[in-house]
N, C-alpha and C. Protein backbone atom coordinates (compact mmCIF):
# COMPACT_ATOMS: atom_id res chain seq x y z
N MET A 1 0.93 -1.28 -0.08
CA MET A 1 0.03 -0.07 -0.26
C MET A 1 0.86 1.07 -0.09
N ALA A 2 2.27 0.89 0.52
CA ALA A 2 3.08 2.32 0.54
C ALA A 2 3.16 2.79 -0.75
N HIS A 3 3.40 1.96 -1.85
CA HIS A 3 3.53 2.33 -3.32
C HIS A 3 2.34 2.88 -3.71
N LEU A 4 1.25 2.75 -3.47
CA LEU A 4 0.13 3.32 -3.93
C LEU A 4 0.12 4.98 -3.21
N SER A 5 0.34 5.09 -1.92
CA SER A 5 0.44 6.40 -1.48
C SER A 5 1.54 7.23 -1.97
N GLN A 6 2.72 6.69 -2.31
CA GLN A 6 3.91 7.31 -3.03
C GLN A 6 3.48 7.84 -4.31
N ALA A 7 2.87 7.02 -4.84
CA ALA A 7 2.21 7.54 -6.12
C ALA A 7 1.11 8.72 -6.15
N GLY A 8 0.71 9.13 -4.93
CA GLY A 8 -0.05 9.99 -4.82
C GLY A 8 -1.61 9.66 -4.72
N TYR A 9 -1.83 8.48 -4.50
CA TYR A 9 -3.22 7.85 -4.63
C TYR A 9 -3.38 7.71 -2.98
N ARG A 10 -4.93 8.04 -2.51
CA ARG A 10 -5.46 7.85 -1.23
C ARG A 10 -5.41 6.10 -0.91
N ILE A 11 -5.16 5.70 0.04
CA ILE A 11 -5.45 4.38 0.63
C ILE A 11 -6.85 4.24 1.18
N THR A 12 -7.66 3.82 0.39
CA THR A 12 -9.07 3.73 0.78
C THR A 12 -9.57 2.26 1.21
N MET A 13 -10.67 2.13 2.13
CA MET A 13 -10.91 0.66 2.32
C MET A 13 -11.36 -0.08 1.32
N PRO A 14 -12.12 0.31 0.03
CA PRO A 14 -11.94 -0.51 -1.03
C PRO A 14 -10.81 -0.93 -1.75
N ARG A 15 -9.71 -0.06 -1.75
CA ARG A 15 -8.48 -0.66 -2.36
C ARG A 15 -7.92 -1.29 -1.35
N LYS A 16 -7.89 -1.01 -0.12
CA LYS A 16 -7.25 -2.10 0.74
C LYS A 16 -7.69 -3.49 0.68
N ALA A 17 -9.13 -3.55 0.79
CA ALA A 17 -9.65 -4.95 0.62
C ALA A 17 -9.34 -5.51 -0.59
N ILE A 18 -9.28 -4.83 -1.70
CA ILE A 18 -8.82 -5.61 -2.95
C ILE A 18 -7.46 -5.98 -2.94
N ALA A 19 -6.55 -5.36 -2.56
CA ALA A 19 -5.28 -5.62 -2.27
C ALA A 19 -5.04 -6.97 -1.43
N GLU A 20 -5.85 -6.82 -0.23
CA GLU A 20 -5.75 -7.94 0.50
C GLU A 20 -6.27 -9.25 -0.01
N ALA A 21 -7.04 -9.23 -0.84
CA ALA A 21 -7.66 -10.32 -1.72
C ALA A 21 -6.75 -10.77 -2.67
N LEU A 22 -6.24 -9.88 -3.21
CA LEU A 22 -4.92 -10.28 -4.21
C LEU A 22 -3.87 -11.03 -3.60
N LEU A 23 -3.30 -10.43 -2.43
CA LEU A 23 -2.41 -10.95 -1.84
C LEU A 23 -2.49 -12.18 -1.05
N ASP A 24 -3.61 -12.45 -0.62
CA ASP A 24 -3.96 -13.68 -0.09
C ASP A 24 -3.94 -14.98 -1.07
N ALA A 25 -4.39 -14.56 -2.16
CA ALA A 25 -4.57 -15.74 -3.35
C ALA A 25 -3.25 -16.25 -3.67
N GLU A 26 -3.43 -17.54 -3.96
CA GLU A 26 -2.22 -18.32 -4.47
C GLU A 26 -2.37 -18.49 -5.94
N VAL A 27 -3.62 -18.22 -6.49
CA VAL A 27 -3.73 -18.45 -8.07
C VAL A 27 -4.36 -17.11 -8.36
N PRO A 28 -4.27 -16.85 -9.79
CA PRO A 28 -4.76 -15.68 -10.39
C PRO A 28 -6.43 -15.65 -10.16
N LEU A 29 -7.07 -14.48 -9.76
CA LEU A 29 -8.32 -14.26 -9.64
C LEU A 29 -9.06 -13.52 -10.71
N SER A 30 -10.23 -13.74 -11.02
CA SER A 30 -10.88 -12.96 -11.91
C SER A 30 -11.22 -11.71 -11.08
N ALA A 31 -11.82 -10.79 -11.94
CA ALA A 31 -12.40 -9.69 -11.02
C ALA A 31 -13.49 -10.20 -10.31
N HIS A 32 -14.32 -10.94 -10.45
CA HIS A 32 -15.55 -11.66 -9.76
C HIS A 32 -15.10 -12.28 -8.70
N GLU A 33 -13.95 -12.93 -8.66
CA GLU A 33 -13.49 -13.70 -7.65
C GLU A 33 -12.58 -12.49 -6.74
N VAL A 34 -12.33 -11.66 -7.13
CA VAL A 34 -11.55 -10.49 -6.34
C VAL A 34 -12.83 -9.83 -5.52
N LEU A 35 -13.79 -9.47 -6.20
CA LEU A 35 -14.90 -9.00 -5.60
C LEU A 35 -15.44 -9.84 -4.49
N ALA A 36 -15.76 -10.93 -4.89
CA ALA A 36 -16.07 -12.15 -3.82
C ALA A 36 -15.35 -12.12 -2.40
N ARG A 37 -14.01 -12.10 -2.86
CA ARG A 37 -13.13 -12.28 -1.59
C ARG A 37 -13.20 -10.89 -0.86
N ALA A 38 -12.80 -9.76 -1.70
CA ALA A 38 -12.76 -8.50 -1.01
C ALA A 38 -14.18 -8.04 -0.06
N GLN A 39 -15.24 -8.66 -0.43
CA GLN A 39 -16.42 -8.05 0.27
C GLN A 39 -16.55 -8.78 1.56
N ALA A 40 -15.58 -9.75 1.69
CA ALA A 40 -15.48 -10.18 3.15
C ALA A 40 -15.00 -9.07 4.12
N CYS A 41 -14.23 -8.15 3.55
CA CYS A 41 -13.61 -6.95 4.49
C CYS A 41 -14.51 -5.62 4.10
N HIS A 42 -15.18 -5.63 3.17
CA HIS A 42 -15.96 -4.42 2.78
C HIS A 42 -17.01 -4.60 1.97
N GLU A 43 -18.26 -4.95 2.50
CA GLU A 43 -19.34 -5.22 1.97
C GLU A 43 -20.14 -4.57 1.04
N GLN A 44 -19.71 -3.48 0.85
CA GLN A 44 -20.40 -2.38 0.11
C GLN A 44 -19.78 -2.31 -1.27
N LEU A 45 -18.42 -3.00 -1.29
CA LEU A 45 -17.64 -2.94 -2.50
C LEU A 45 -18.64 -3.35 -3.92
N GLY A 46 -18.33 -2.74 -4.98
CA GLY A 46 -19.07 -3.17 -6.15
C GLY A 46 -17.92 -3.54 -7.34
N LEU A 47 -18.59 -4.23 -8.45
CA LEU A 47 -17.64 -4.47 -9.32
C LEU A 47 -17.04 -3.59 -10.36
N VAL A 48 -17.45 -2.30 -10.37
CA VAL A 48 -17.13 -1.18 -10.88
C VAL A 48 -15.79 -0.81 -10.28
N THR A 49 -15.78 -0.61 -9.02
CA THR A 49 -14.93 -0.32 -8.34
C THR A 49 -13.46 -1.22 -8.25
N VAL A 50 -14.01 -2.63 -8.24
CA VAL A 50 -12.91 -3.48 -8.42
C VAL A 50 -12.27 -3.55 -9.79
N TYR A 51 -12.73 -3.33 -10.85
CA TYR A 51 -12.33 -3.01 -12.23
C TYR A 51 -11.62 -1.77 -12.19
N ARG A 52 -11.90 -0.70 -11.89
CA ARG A 52 -11.15 0.40 -11.66
C ARG A 52 -9.70 0.46 -10.75
N THR A 53 -10.00 -0.32 -9.66
CA THR A 53 -9.00 -0.46 -8.91
C THR A 53 -7.73 -1.42 -9.48
N LEU A 54 -8.41 -2.62 -10.02
CA LEU A 54 -7.18 -3.35 -10.75
C LEU A 54 -6.46 -2.76 -11.86
N ASP A 55 -7.30 -1.90 -12.71
CA ASP A 55 -6.90 -0.97 -13.67
C ASP A 55 -5.52 -0.17 -13.15
N LEU A 56 -5.74 0.40 -11.97
CA LEU A 56 -4.83 1.29 -11.30
C LEU A 56 -3.85 0.75 -10.89
N TYR A 57 -4.15 -0.53 -10.25
CA TYR A 57 -2.88 -1.36 -9.63
C TYR A 57 -2.03 -1.96 -10.79
N GLU A 58 -2.64 -2.39 -11.79
CA GLU A 58 -1.99 -2.85 -12.96
C GLU A 58 -0.98 -1.69 -13.63
N GLU A 59 -1.54 -0.56 -13.79
CA GLU A 59 -0.81 0.74 -14.18
C GLU A 59 0.47 1.05 -13.28
N LEU A 60 0.21 0.87 -11.94
CA LEU A 60 1.22 1.15 -11.05
C LEU A 60 2.31 -0.04 -10.89
N GLY A 61 1.98 -0.96 -11.53
CA GLY A 61 2.77 -2.39 -11.35
C GLY A 61 2.78 -3.09 -10.08
N LEU A 62 1.43 -2.95 -9.65
CA LEU A 62 1.10 -3.64 -8.45
C LEU A 62 0.64 -5.04 -8.52
N VAL A 63 0.03 -5.10 -9.73
CA VAL A 63 -1.08 -6.51 -10.07
C VAL A 63 -0.35 -6.62 -11.65
N CYS A 64 -0.69 -8.02 -11.91
CA CYS A 64 -0.19 -8.48 -13.54
C CYS A 64 -1.06 -9.16 -13.99
N ARG A 65 -2.00 -8.85 -15.03
CA ARG A 65 -2.92 -9.55 -15.61
C ARG A 65 -2.28 -10.62 -16.43
N VAL A 66 -2.67 -11.75 -16.04
CA VAL A 66 -2.34 -13.02 -16.84
C VAL A 66 -3.51 -13.78 -17.57
N HIS A 67 -3.03 -14.36 -18.68
CA HIS A 67 -3.76 -15.08 -19.47
C HIS A 67 -4.17 -16.40 -18.76
N LEU A 68 -5.03 -16.97 -18.78
CA LEU A 68 -5.67 -18.32 -18.33
C LEU A 68 -5.98 -19.13 -19.49
N LYS A 69 -5.99 -20.53 -19.29
CA LYS A 69 -6.20 -21.42 -20.64
C LYS A 69 -7.44 -21.45 -20.99
N GLU A 70 -8.66 -21.05 -20.15
CA GLU A 70 -10.04 -20.93 -20.47
C GLU A 70 -10.08 -19.77 -21.36
N GLY A 71 -9.17 -19.12 -21.83
CA GLY A 71 -9.31 -17.98 -22.60
C GLY A 71 -9.79 -16.58 -21.87
N CYS A 72 -9.81 -16.57 -20.43
CA CYS A 72 -9.85 -15.49 -19.76
C CYS A 72 -8.69 -15.10 -19.11
N HIS A 73 -8.83 -13.94 -18.19
CA HIS A 73 -7.80 -13.37 -17.64
C HIS A 73 -8.12 -13.22 -16.07
N GLY A 74 -6.98 -13.35 -15.19
CA GLY A 74 -7.17 -13.06 -14.06
C GLY A 74 -5.95 -12.22 -13.69
N TYR A 75 -5.84 -11.79 -12.34
CA TYR A 75 -5.03 -10.99 -11.81
C TYR A 75 -3.94 -11.70 -10.57
N VAL A 76 -2.74 -11.24 -10.80
CA VAL A 76 -1.90 -11.71 -9.47
C VAL A 76 -1.31 -10.50 -8.83
N ALA A 77 -0.85 -10.47 -7.65
CA ALA A 77 -0.10 -9.55 -7.06
C ALA A 77 1.09 -9.58 -7.53
N THR A 78 1.88 -8.65 -7.71
CA THR A 78 3.29 -8.75 -7.93
C THR A 78 4.23 -7.40 -7.36
N THR A 79 5.46 -7.65 -7.42
CA THR A 79 6.18 -6.67 -7.07
C THR A 79 6.44 -5.62 -7.98
N PRO A 80 6.56 -4.21 -7.90
CA PRO A 80 6.71 -3.29 -8.77
C PRO A 80 8.30 -3.56 -9.42
N GLY A 81 8.35 -3.28 -10.45
CA GLY A 81 9.36 -3.59 -11.53
C GLY A 81 9.11 -4.56 -12.67
N HIS A 82 9.90 -4.71 -13.60
CA HIS A 82 9.63 -5.60 -14.60
C HIS A 82 9.62 -6.90 -14.11
N ARG A 83 8.33 -7.43 -14.12
CA ARG A 83 8.25 -8.64 -13.86
C ARG A 83 7.26 -9.72 -14.98
N HIS A 84 7.43 -10.99 -14.55
CA HIS A 84 6.57 -11.94 -15.54
C HIS A 84 6.30 -12.84 -14.67
N VAL A 85 5.31 -13.96 -15.21
CA VAL A 85 4.56 -14.45 -14.50
C VAL A 85 4.74 -16.16 -14.99
N LEU A 86 4.79 -17.11 -14.11
CA LEU A 86 4.74 -18.64 -14.55
C LEU A 86 3.54 -19.10 -13.60
N LEU A 87 2.86 -19.92 -14.52
CA LEU A 87 1.55 -20.34 -14.12
C LEU A 87 1.62 -21.87 -14.17
N CYS A 88 1.08 -22.58 -13.18
CA CYS A 88 1.08 -24.21 -13.30
C CYS A 88 -0.32 -24.36 -13.90
N GLN A 89 -0.47 -25.16 -14.93
CA GLN A 89 -1.42 -25.39 -15.81
C GLN A 89 -2.22 -26.69 -15.09
N ARG A 90 -1.92 -27.18 -14.00
CA ARG A 90 -2.91 -28.13 -13.24
C ARG A 90 -3.55 -27.46 -12.07
N CYS A 91 -2.94 -26.62 -11.18
CA CYS A 91 -3.31 -26.16 -10.21
C CYS A 91 -3.78 -24.61 -10.11
N GLY A 92 -3.07 -23.93 -11.20
CA GLY A 92 -3.21 -22.46 -11.45
C GLY A 92 -2.23 -21.58 -10.63
N ARG A 93 -1.54 -22.17 -9.59
CA ARG A 93 -0.40 -21.44 -8.73
C ARG A 93 0.58 -20.51 -9.82
N SER A 94 0.65 -19.49 -9.03
CA SER A 94 1.43 -18.71 -10.05
C SER A 94 2.84 -18.15 -9.27
N VAL A 95 3.82 -17.92 -9.93
CA VAL A 95 5.07 -17.55 -9.49
C VAL A 95 5.59 -16.33 -10.28
N GLU A 96 6.02 -15.27 -9.70
CA GLU A 96 6.48 -14.15 -10.59
C GLU A 96 8.25 -14.22 -10.63
N PHE A 97 8.64 -13.81 -11.63
CA PHE A 97 9.97 -13.93 -11.92
C PHE A 97 10.28 -12.31 -12.62
N ALA A 98 11.60 -11.88 -12.26
CA ALA A 98 12.07 -10.59 -12.65
C ALA A 98 12.40 -10.79 -14.42
N GLY A 99 12.10 -9.82 -14.88
CA GLY A 99 12.42 -9.83 -16.59
C GLY A 99 13.99 -9.59 -16.27
N GLY A 100 14.60 -9.84 -17.31
CA GLY A 100 16.34 -9.68 -17.04
C GLY A 100 16.95 -9.40 -18.54
N GLY A 101 18.16 -9.77 -18.53
CA GLY A 101 19.31 -9.26 -19.49
C GLY A 101 18.89 -10.12 -20.84
N ASP A 102 18.43 -11.58 -20.53
CA ASP A 102 18.49 -12.52 -21.71
C ASP A 102 17.23 -12.03 -22.33
N LEU A 103 16.19 -11.47 -21.82
CA LEU A 103 15.11 -10.55 -22.87
C LEU A 103 15.57 -9.66 -23.38
N ASP A 104 16.45 -8.94 -22.77
CA ASP A 104 16.87 -7.69 -23.77
C ASP A 104 17.50 -8.19 -24.59
N LEU A 105 18.50 -9.26 -24.68
CA LEU A 105 19.16 -9.84 -25.88
C LEU A 105 18.30 -10.15 -27.15
N LEU A 106 17.24 -10.74 -26.59
CA LEU A 106 16.23 -11.34 -27.49
C LEU A 106 15.76 -10.18 -28.22
N VAL A 107 15.12 -9.19 -27.63
CA VAL A 107 14.45 -8.10 -28.09
C VAL A 107 15.29 -7.15 -29.09
N ALA A 108 16.67 -7.29 -28.58
CA ALA A 108 17.47 -6.37 -29.40
C ALA A 108 17.59 -7.20 -30.84
N ASP A 109 17.90 -8.71 -30.56
CA ASP A 109 18.13 -9.27 -31.82
C ASP A 109 16.74 -9.28 -32.78
N LEU A 110 15.71 -9.30 -32.14
CA LEU A 110 14.43 -9.31 -32.94
C LEU A 110 14.26 -7.85 -33.62
N GLU A 111 14.62 -6.92 -32.88
CA GLU A 111 14.52 -5.57 -33.74
C GLU A 111 15.67 -5.56 -34.81
N ARG A 112 16.67 -5.82 -34.58
CA ARG A 112 17.81 -5.83 -35.83
C ARG A 112 17.45 -6.82 -36.81
N ARG A 113 16.55 -7.97 -36.68
CA ARG A 113 16.43 -8.93 -37.70
C ARG A 113 15.20 -8.28 -38.46
N THR A 114 14.21 -7.69 -37.52
CA THR A 114 12.78 -7.34 -38.22
C THR A 114 12.74 -5.73 -38.46
N GLY A 115 13.52 -5.09 -38.13
CA GLY A 115 13.33 -3.43 -38.10
C GLY A 115 12.26 -2.91 -37.39
N TYR A 116 11.66 -3.58 -36.43
CA TYR A 116 10.36 -3.28 -35.56
C TYR A 116 11.32 -2.74 -34.26
N ARG A 117 10.52 -1.65 -33.50
CA ARG A 117 11.30 -1.33 -32.33
C ARG A 117 10.10 -1.63 -31.29
N VAL A 118 10.60 -2.63 -30.60
CA VAL A 118 9.71 -2.89 -29.40
C VAL A 118 9.49 -1.93 -28.44
N ARG A 119 8.36 -1.82 -28.21
CA ARG A 119 7.77 -0.88 -27.10
C ARG A 119 7.53 -1.39 -25.88
N ASP A 120 7.01 -2.58 -25.85
CA ASP A 120 6.55 -3.41 -24.56
C ASP A 120 6.14 -4.87 -24.86
N HIS A 121 6.26 -5.51 -24.00
CA HIS A 121 6.03 -6.87 -24.28
C HIS A 121 5.36 -7.80 -23.03
N LEU A 122 4.86 -8.89 -23.31
CA LEU A 122 4.26 -9.58 -22.12
C LEU A 122 4.60 -11.08 -22.34
N LEU A 123 5.35 -11.47 -21.37
CA LEU A 123 5.92 -12.82 -21.28
C LEU A 123 5.28 -13.67 -20.08
N GLN A 124 4.66 -14.74 -20.39
CA GLN A 124 3.93 -15.80 -19.46
C GLN A 124 4.28 -17.03 -19.78
N LEU A 125 4.77 -17.77 -18.81
CA LEU A 125 5.16 -19.26 -19.10
C LEU A 125 4.23 -20.05 -18.49
N PHE A 126 3.84 -21.33 -18.97
CA PHE A 126 3.20 -22.19 -18.34
C PHE A 126 3.88 -23.30 -18.05
N GLY A 127 3.54 -24.16 -17.06
CA GLY A 127 4.39 -25.74 -16.67
C GLY A 127 3.58 -26.14 -15.54
N LEU A 128 4.26 -26.94 -14.99
CA LEU A 128 3.73 -27.84 -13.97
C LEU A 128 4.52 -27.60 -12.68
N CYS A 129 4.11 -26.84 -11.52
CA CYS A 129 4.59 -26.75 -10.35
C CYS A 129 5.11 -27.90 -9.68
N PRO A 130 6.20 -27.46 -8.77
CA PRO A 130 6.78 -29.00 -8.28
C PRO A 130 5.61 -29.96 -7.62
N ASP A 131 4.55 -29.42 -6.89
CA ASP A 131 3.66 -30.30 -6.41
C ASP A 131 2.79 -31.16 -7.30
N CYS A 132 2.24 -30.67 -8.35
CA CYS A 132 1.65 -31.12 -9.32
C CYS A 132 2.49 -32.01 -10.12
N ARG A 133 3.66 -31.88 -10.32
CA ARG A 133 4.67 -32.92 -10.95
C ARG A 133 4.79 -33.84 -10.12
N ARG A 134 4.91 -33.87 -8.98
CA ARG A 134 4.90 -35.20 -7.82
C ARG A 134 3.80 -36.11 -8.04
N VAL A 135 2.54 -35.22 -8.15
CA VAL A 135 1.32 -35.95 -8.15
C VAL A 135 1.34 -36.77 -9.40
N GLY A 136 1.65 -36.28 -10.38
CA GLY A 136 1.59 -36.53 -11.95
C GLY A 136 2.60 -37.74 -12.14
N ALA A 137 3.65 -37.73 -11.68
CA ALA A 137 4.46 -38.79 -11.74
C ALA A 137 4.44 -40.19 -11.70
């Protein structure tokens, strides 16, 4: 929440409830799931507020929108900075990881070969977490 106030935004009860719902989740949550969880702390919370807050948090780098296999998307809490997400295809658990130099090399190579100038990217990896790999083995 400190990052929110440092960016000049008030820490309201709805914003706090939404942040707590995301921080407590081990899997990506849809906006409707965020609403259901956050209403436990703030009953008057509405879906429009959830969407607006998720957009704000995404803009500030506090959440990451991830694409799920069902064709939908969900949200996971993330730490500010250049981050990516690894999702378990079986249980849905997510892990974030920092973007790094290897991607910079890839982007530079693609720019050189194609003539494009890359302005942004989305990297999301799918696999099986250690627990699901043990169950499936």
